[in-house]
Structure formats: structure tokens, C-alpha cells
N, C-alpha and C. Protein backbone atom coordinates (compact mmCIF):
# COMPACT_ATOMS: atom_id res chain seq x y z
N MET A 1 119.23 110.51 91.38
CA MET A 1 117.38 110.50 91.61
C MET A 1 117.51 108.48 90.99
N LYS A 2 116.29 107.99 91.59
CA LYS A 2 116.08 106.91 91.24
C LYS A 2 115.83 106.93 89.25
N ASN A 3 116.35 105.37 89.18
CA ASN A 3 115.96 105.32 86.90
C ASN A 3 116.21 106.75 86.36
N GLY A 4 116.90 107.46 87.09
CA GLY A 4 117.08 108.81 86.00
C GLY A 4 116.38 109.87 86.32
N ALA A 5 115.20 109.61 87.06
CA ALA A 5 114.22 110.47 86.88
C ALA A 5 114.99 111.89 87.72
N SER A 6 114.69 112.98 86.96
CA SER A 6 114.96 114.30 87.38
C SER A 6 114.34 114.81 88.93
N HIS A 7 115.30 116.20 89.04
CA HIS A 7 114.59 117.03 90.77
C HIS A 7 113.29 117.02 90.55
N ASP A 8 113.11 118.02 89.28
CA ASP A 8 111.93 118.06 88.78
C ASP A 8 110.50 117.88 89.01
N ALA A 9 110.94 116.34 88.55
CA ALA A 9 109.70 115.77 87.70
C ALA A 9 108.77 115.25 89.62
N GLU A 10 109.44 114.74 90.34
CA GLU A 10 109.15 115.14 91.76
C GLU A 10 108.49 115.69 92.90
N ARG A 11 108.61 117.30 91.88
CA ARG A 11 108.38 118.59 92.82
C ARG A 11 106.66 118.32 92.28
N LEU A 12 105.93 118.75 93.37
CA LEU A 12 104.51 118.94 93.08
C LEU A 12 104.44 119.96 92.55
N SER A 13 103.27 119.91 91.27
CA SER A 13 103.00 120.83 90.46
C SER A 13 101.85 121.85 90.85
N GLU A 14 100.75 121.34 91.66
CA GLU A 14 99.97 122.23 92.64
C GLU A 14 99.74 122.20 93.89
N ARG A 15 99.15 123.02 94.87
CA ARG A 15 99.05 123.50 95.55
C ARG A 15 97.82 122.14 96.56
N ILE A 16 98.32 121.43 97.96
CA ILE A 16 97.52 119.86 98.03
C ILE A 16 97.47 120.66 99.68
N GLU A 17 96.06 121.20 99.52
CA GLU A 17 95.26 120.99 101.28
C GLU A 17 95.87 119.98 101.97
N LEU A 18 96.36 119.60 102.56
CA LEU A 18 96.35 118.22 103.56
C LEU A 18 95.23 118.13 104.65
N GLY A 19 95.33 119.74 105.26
CA GLY A 19 94.19 119.79 105.71
C GLY A 19 93.55 120.66 106.33
N GLN A 20 93.38 121.30 107.60
CA GLN A 20 92.34 122.86 107.74
C GLN A 20 93.56 123.89 107.89
N TYR A 21 95.18 123.21 108.64
CA TYR A 21 95.76 124.19 108.95
C TYR A 21 97.67 123.75 107.93
N ILE A 22 97.36 122.74 107.51
CA ILE A 22 98.58 122.58 106.88
C ILE A 22 98.26 122.35 105.34
N VAL A 23 99.22 122.78 104.58
CA VAL A 23 99.53 122.88 102.68
C VAL A 23 100.94 122.11 102.54
N ALA A 24 100.34 121.75 101.45
CA ALA A 24 102.30 121.87 100.80
C ALA A 24 101.56 122.72 99.71
N ASP A 25 102.67 123.37 98.85
CA ASP A 25 102.67 124.63 97.60
C ASP A 25 103.78 124.18 97.67
N PRO A 26 103.91 123.78 95.95
CA PRO A 26 105.51 124.48 95.22
C PRO A 26 105.63 125.68 95.43
N GLU A 27 105.45 126.61 95.78
CA GLU A 27 105.51 127.94 96.22
C GLU A 27 106.25 128.09 97.33
N ILE A 28 105.59 127.77 98.47
CA ILE A 28 106.82 127.53 99.44
C ILE A 28 107.37 126.08 100.10
N CYS A 29 108.14 126.74 100.63
CA CYS A 29 109.55 125.98 101.05
C CYS A 29 109.64 124.18 99.86
N HIS A 30 109.71 124.89 98.30
CA HIS A 30 109.72 123.45 97.73
C HIS A 30 108.39 122.43 97.96
N GLY A 31 107.45 122.95 97.94
CA GLY A 31 106.20 122.29 98.21
C GLY A 31 106.39 121.08 99.87
N LYS A 32 107.62 121.34 100.83
CA LYS A 32 107.17 120.79 101.70
C LYS A 32 105.59 121.01 102.51
N PRO A 33 105.76 119.59 103.61
CA PRO A 33 104.18 120.41 104.26
C PRO A 33 104.98 121.37 105.03
N THR A 34 103.55 122.96 105.38
CA THR A 34 103.86 123.58 106.00
C THR A 34 102.66 124.07 106.62
N PHE A 35 102.65 125.00 107.72
CA PHE A 35 101.32 125.69 108.46
C PHE A 35 101.11 126.44 107.55
N LYS A 36 99.62 126.81 107.15
CA LYS A 36 98.85 127.35 106.02
C LYS A 36 99.74 129.05 106.56
N GLY A 37 100.47 130.10 106.40
CA GLY A 37 100.42 131.32 106.57
C GLY A 37 101.47 132.05 107.54
N ALA A 38 102.08 130.35 108.06
CA ALA A 38 103.18 130.65 108.95
C ALA A 38 105.00 130.28 108.17
N ARG A 39 104.88 129.42 107.11
CA ARG A 39 106.23 128.91 106.44
C ARG A 39 107.10 127.98 107.64
N ILE A 40 106.30 127.39 108.37
CA ILE A 40 106.82 126.80 109.45
C ILE A 40 106.75 125.16 108.92
N MET A 41 108.12 124.75 108.32
CA MET A 41 107.54 123.20 108.46
C MET A 41 107.29 122.20 108.99
N VAL A 42 106.24 121.19 108.66
CA VAL A 42 105.38 120.32 109.88
C VAL A 42 106.76 119.68 110.41
N TRP A 43 107.88 119.16 109.47
CA TRP A 43 108.27 117.97 110.48
C TRP A 43 109.62 119.23 111.26
N GLN A 44 109.56 120.30 111.02
CA GLN A 44 110.25 120.58 112.43
C GLN A 44 109.19 120.94 113.72
N VAL A 45 108.53 121.05 113.23
CA VAL A 45 107.36 120.96 114.95
C VAL A 45 107.13 119.30 114.99
N LEU A 46 107.23 118.51 113.87
CA LEU A 46 106.88 117.08 114.88
C LEU A 46 108.27 116.81 115.34
N ASP A 47 110.10 117.13 115.14
CA ASP A 47 110.87 117.19 115.72
C ASP A 47 110.17 117.81 117.23
N ASP A 48 109.82 118.87 117.38
CA ASP A 48 109.96 119.58 118.81
C ASP A 48 108.84 118.55 119.62
N VAL A 49 108.45 118.15 119.06
CA VAL A 49 107.31 117.33 119.88
C VAL A 49 107.67 115.90 120.44
N ALA A 50 109.02 115.25 119.12
CA ALA A 50 110.28 114.20 119.24
C ALA A 50 110.67 114.31 120.71
N ASP A 51 110.88 115.48 120.86
CA ASP A 51 112.63 116.17 121.22
C ASP A 51 111.33 115.99 122.60
N GLY A 52 110.15 115.94 122.98
CA GLY A 52 109.52 116.05 124.67
C GLY A 52 108.95 117.42 125.03
N ARG A 53 109.05 118.40 123.38
CA ARG A 53 108.47 119.69 124.05
C ARG A 53 106.54 120.15 124.09
N SER A 54 106.45 120.87 125.42
CA SER A 54 105.19 120.85 125.24
C SER A 54 104.76 121.67 124.16
N TRP A 55 103.67 121.39 124.25
CA TRP A 55 102.65 121.87 122.49
C TRP A 55 102.72 123.29 123.05
N GLU A 56 102.21 123.71 124.21
CA GLU A 56 102.05 124.73 124.65
C GLU A 56 103.51 125.59 124.55
N PHE A 57 104.50 125.12 124.61
CA PHE A 57 105.97 125.42 124.60
C PHE A 57 106.10 125.75 122.74
N ILE A 58 105.75 124.59 122.41
CA ILE A 58 106.14 124.88 120.30
C ILE A 58 105.41 126.10 120.16
N CYS A 59 104.05 126.13 120.58
CA CYS A 59 103.34 127.02 119.85
C CYS A 59 103.77 128.51 120.46
N GLY A 60 103.33 128.81 121.42
CA GLY A 60 103.54 130.05 122.09
C GLY A 60 104.95 130.75 122.40
N THR A 61 105.55 129.86 122.88
CA THR A 61 107.43 130.63 122.32
C THR A 61 108.78 129.79 121.15
N ARG A 62 108.44 129.24 120.80
CA ARG A 62 109.40 128.17 119.89
C ARG A 62 108.80 128.75 118.70
N TRP A 63 107.61 129.33 118.21
CA TRP A 63 106.73 129.51 116.95
C TRP A 63 106.47 131.05 117.17
N GLY A 64 106.14 131.48 118.65
CA GLY A 64 106.31 132.87 118.69
C GLY A 64 104.64 133.10 118.70
N GLY A 65 103.49 131.93 118.60
CA GLY A 65 102.23 132.35 118.49
C GLY A 65 101.70 131.96 116.65
N ARG A 66 102.67 131.58 116.02
CA ARG A 66 102.54 131.31 114.26
C ARG A 66 101.53 130.16 114.51
N ILE A 67 101.56 129.29 115.31
CA ILE A 67 100.80 128.15 115.35
C ILE A 67 100.13 127.82 115.95
N SER A 68 98.70 127.17 116.25
CA SER A 68 97.79 126.93 117.72
C SER A 68 98.21 125.33 117.36
N LEU A 69 97.69 124.72 118.43
CA LEU A 69 97.65 124.00 119.48
C LEU A 69 97.23 122.80 118.32
N ALA A 70 95.54 123.53 118.33
CA ALA A 70 94.80 122.73 117.08
C ALA A 70 95.77 122.16 115.40
N ALA A 71 96.67 122.92 115.47
CA ALA A 71 98.03 123.30 113.89
C ALA A 71 98.37 121.60 114.83
N VAL A 72 98.88 121.91 115.27
CA VAL A 72 100.00 120.75 116.17
C VAL A 72 99.29 119.57 115.90
N GLY A 73 97.96 119.55 116.74
CA GLY A 73 97.27 118.25 116.88
C GLY A 73 96.96 117.25 115.50
N GLU A 74 96.88 118.47 114.27
CA GLU A 74 96.18 118.12 113.00
C GLU A 74 98.00 117.26 112.56
N ALA A 75 99.01 118.32 112.48
CA ALA A 75 99.85 117.31 112.56
C ALA A 75 100.43 116.04 113.05
N VAL A 76 100.51 116.02 114.21
CA VAL A 76 100.52 114.81 114.47
C VAL A 76 99.69 113.76 113.86
N LYS A 77 98.37 113.70 113.94
CA LYS A 77 96.81 113.36 113.42
C LYS A 77 97.64 112.62 112.08
N LEU A 78 98.04 113.60 110.98
CA LEU A 78 98.51 113.25 109.58
C LEU A 78 99.58 112.68 109.75
N SER A 79 100.65 112.70 110.81
CA SER A 79 102.10 111.87 110.68
C SER A 79 101.34 110.15 110.92
N ARG A 80 100.44 110.14 111.76
CA ARG A 80 99.61 108.69 112.23
C ARG A 80 99.22 108.18 111.45
N GLN A 81 98.13 108.59 110.41
CA GLN A 81 97.80 108.28 109.40
C GLN A 81 98.81 108.14 108.42
N SER A 82 99.92 108.31 107.67
CA SER A 82 101.31 107.77 107.54
C SER A 82 101.19 106.46 107.58
N TRP A 83 101.84 106.01 108.80
CA TRP A 83 102.02 105.22 109.09
C TRP A 83 100.89 103.73 109.46
N LEU A 84 99.93 104.48 110.38
CA LEU A 84 99.05 103.07 110.67
C LEU A 84 97.82 103.33 109.75
N ASP A 85 96.86 101.81 110.17
CA ASP A 85 95.67 101.93 109.16
C ASP A 85 94.72 102.36 110.50
N GLU A 86 93.48 102.43 110.16
CA GLU A 86 92.58 102.28 111.23
C GLU A 86 92.41 101.91 112.23
N ARG A 87 93.01 100.76 112.05
CA ARG A 87 92.98 99.72 113.30
C ARG A 87 94.46 99.99 114.35
N GLY A 88 95.34 101.20 113.89
CA GLY A 88 96.85 101.03 114.62
C GLY A 88 97.56 100.32 114.35
N ARG A 89 97.24 99.28 112.96
CA ARG A 89 98.74 98.49 112.80
C ARG A 89 99.07 98.98 111.78
N LEU A 90 99.99 99.00 111.04
CA LEU A 90 101.51 99.48 110.61
C LEU A 90 100.79 99.46 108.81
N ALA A 91 100.60 100.65 108.26
CA ALA A 91 100.57 100.51 106.96
C ALA A 91 101.35 100.05 106.19
N ARG A 92 102.17 100.29 105.94
CA ARG A 92 103.25 99.79 105.20
C ARG A 92 104.54 99.58 105.68
N PRO A 93 105.06 98.87 105.18
CA PRO A 93 106.37 98.66 105.57
C PRO A 93 107.18 100.02 105.64
N PRO A 94 108.19 100.33 106.52
CA PRO A 94 109.38 101.40 106.42
C PRO A 94 110.40 101.31 105.48
N LEU A 95 110.72 102.22 104.61
CA LEU A 95 111.57 102.32 103.06
C LEU A 95 112.70 101.83 103.26
N ALA A 96 112.96 102.11 104.49
CA ALA A 96 114.26 102.04 105.09
C ALA A 96 114.35 101.46 106.19
N LYS A 97 115.55 100.97 106.75
CA LYS A 97 115.45 101.24 108.92
C LYS A 97 116.29 102.09 108.80
N ARG A 98 115.83 102.95 109.72
CA ARG A 98 115.94 104.13 110.64
C ARG A 98 116.41 103.70 112.10
N PRO A 99 117.19 104.71 112.56
CA PRO A 99 117.41 104.50 113.91
C PRO A 99 116.63 104.72 115.16
N ALA A 100 116.61 103.81 115.92
CA ALA A 100 115.33 103.94 116.83
C ALA A 100 115.44 104.78 117.87
N LEU A 101 114.06 105.76 117.89
CA LEU A 101 114.01 106.98 118.50
C LEU A 101 115.16 106.89 119.59
N SER A 102 115.35 107.65 120.46
CA SER A 102 115.92 107.65 121.95
C SER A 102 114.89 107.90 122.98
N PRO A 103 115.06 107.83 123.84
CA PRO A 103 113.82 108.05 125.11
C PRO A 103 113.87 109.77 125.32
N ALA A 104 113.05 109.98 126.00
CA ALA A 104 112.89 111.70 125.75
C ALA A 104 113.13 111.39 127.92
């Protein structure tokens, strides 16, 4: 860890409600954002969206109806908010250079 910080110091200490459908809880999936009541991590669904899967497939087939279309929409909106300001401009510079997404 940077500057000698321990891994435990970076963990969440309490549950954070990120939206109506998404939560970060230190007792669930090590505090990674998940869909409430499903133990499905948000990054997994965002990867499905990025891979071009339809939201209907993601909700109904891939995750067996355990998350709703509205929950996927919330994940996409939260992702957008983490990168862009209210005018659609980059809110902060990227942390590190990442490979470009390949076209779907």
C-alpha cells in the first residue's frame, strides 16, 4: 500500500447507501459496491454493459432476475457521475493511463 497504509485502513467501516439499488457494505463483498440483496458487484454489471449485452439479457438471463432494469440504469448513472460533472466534462483526471475500450 502507498505510504505504508495498511489494507485494513482503506476498508469501509460502515454501510454506505449509494442509491436506491446500490450499497457499499463492509460485510458484503469486502465493501465493494453491490446491488442490494443480490451480492452482485456493480463492476460485473458494468462490464456486461461495456461488452454490449442488452440490459434485458443482463437482468433476466445473466443474473436470473435478481437485479432490475432500473438498478442497471442506476449503476450506469453513478458511473457517469464518478467521471463527469453536471455539464458532461471530465470531473477529474484519470488516475492512470488505461487501455482504450475496444469497439463493440
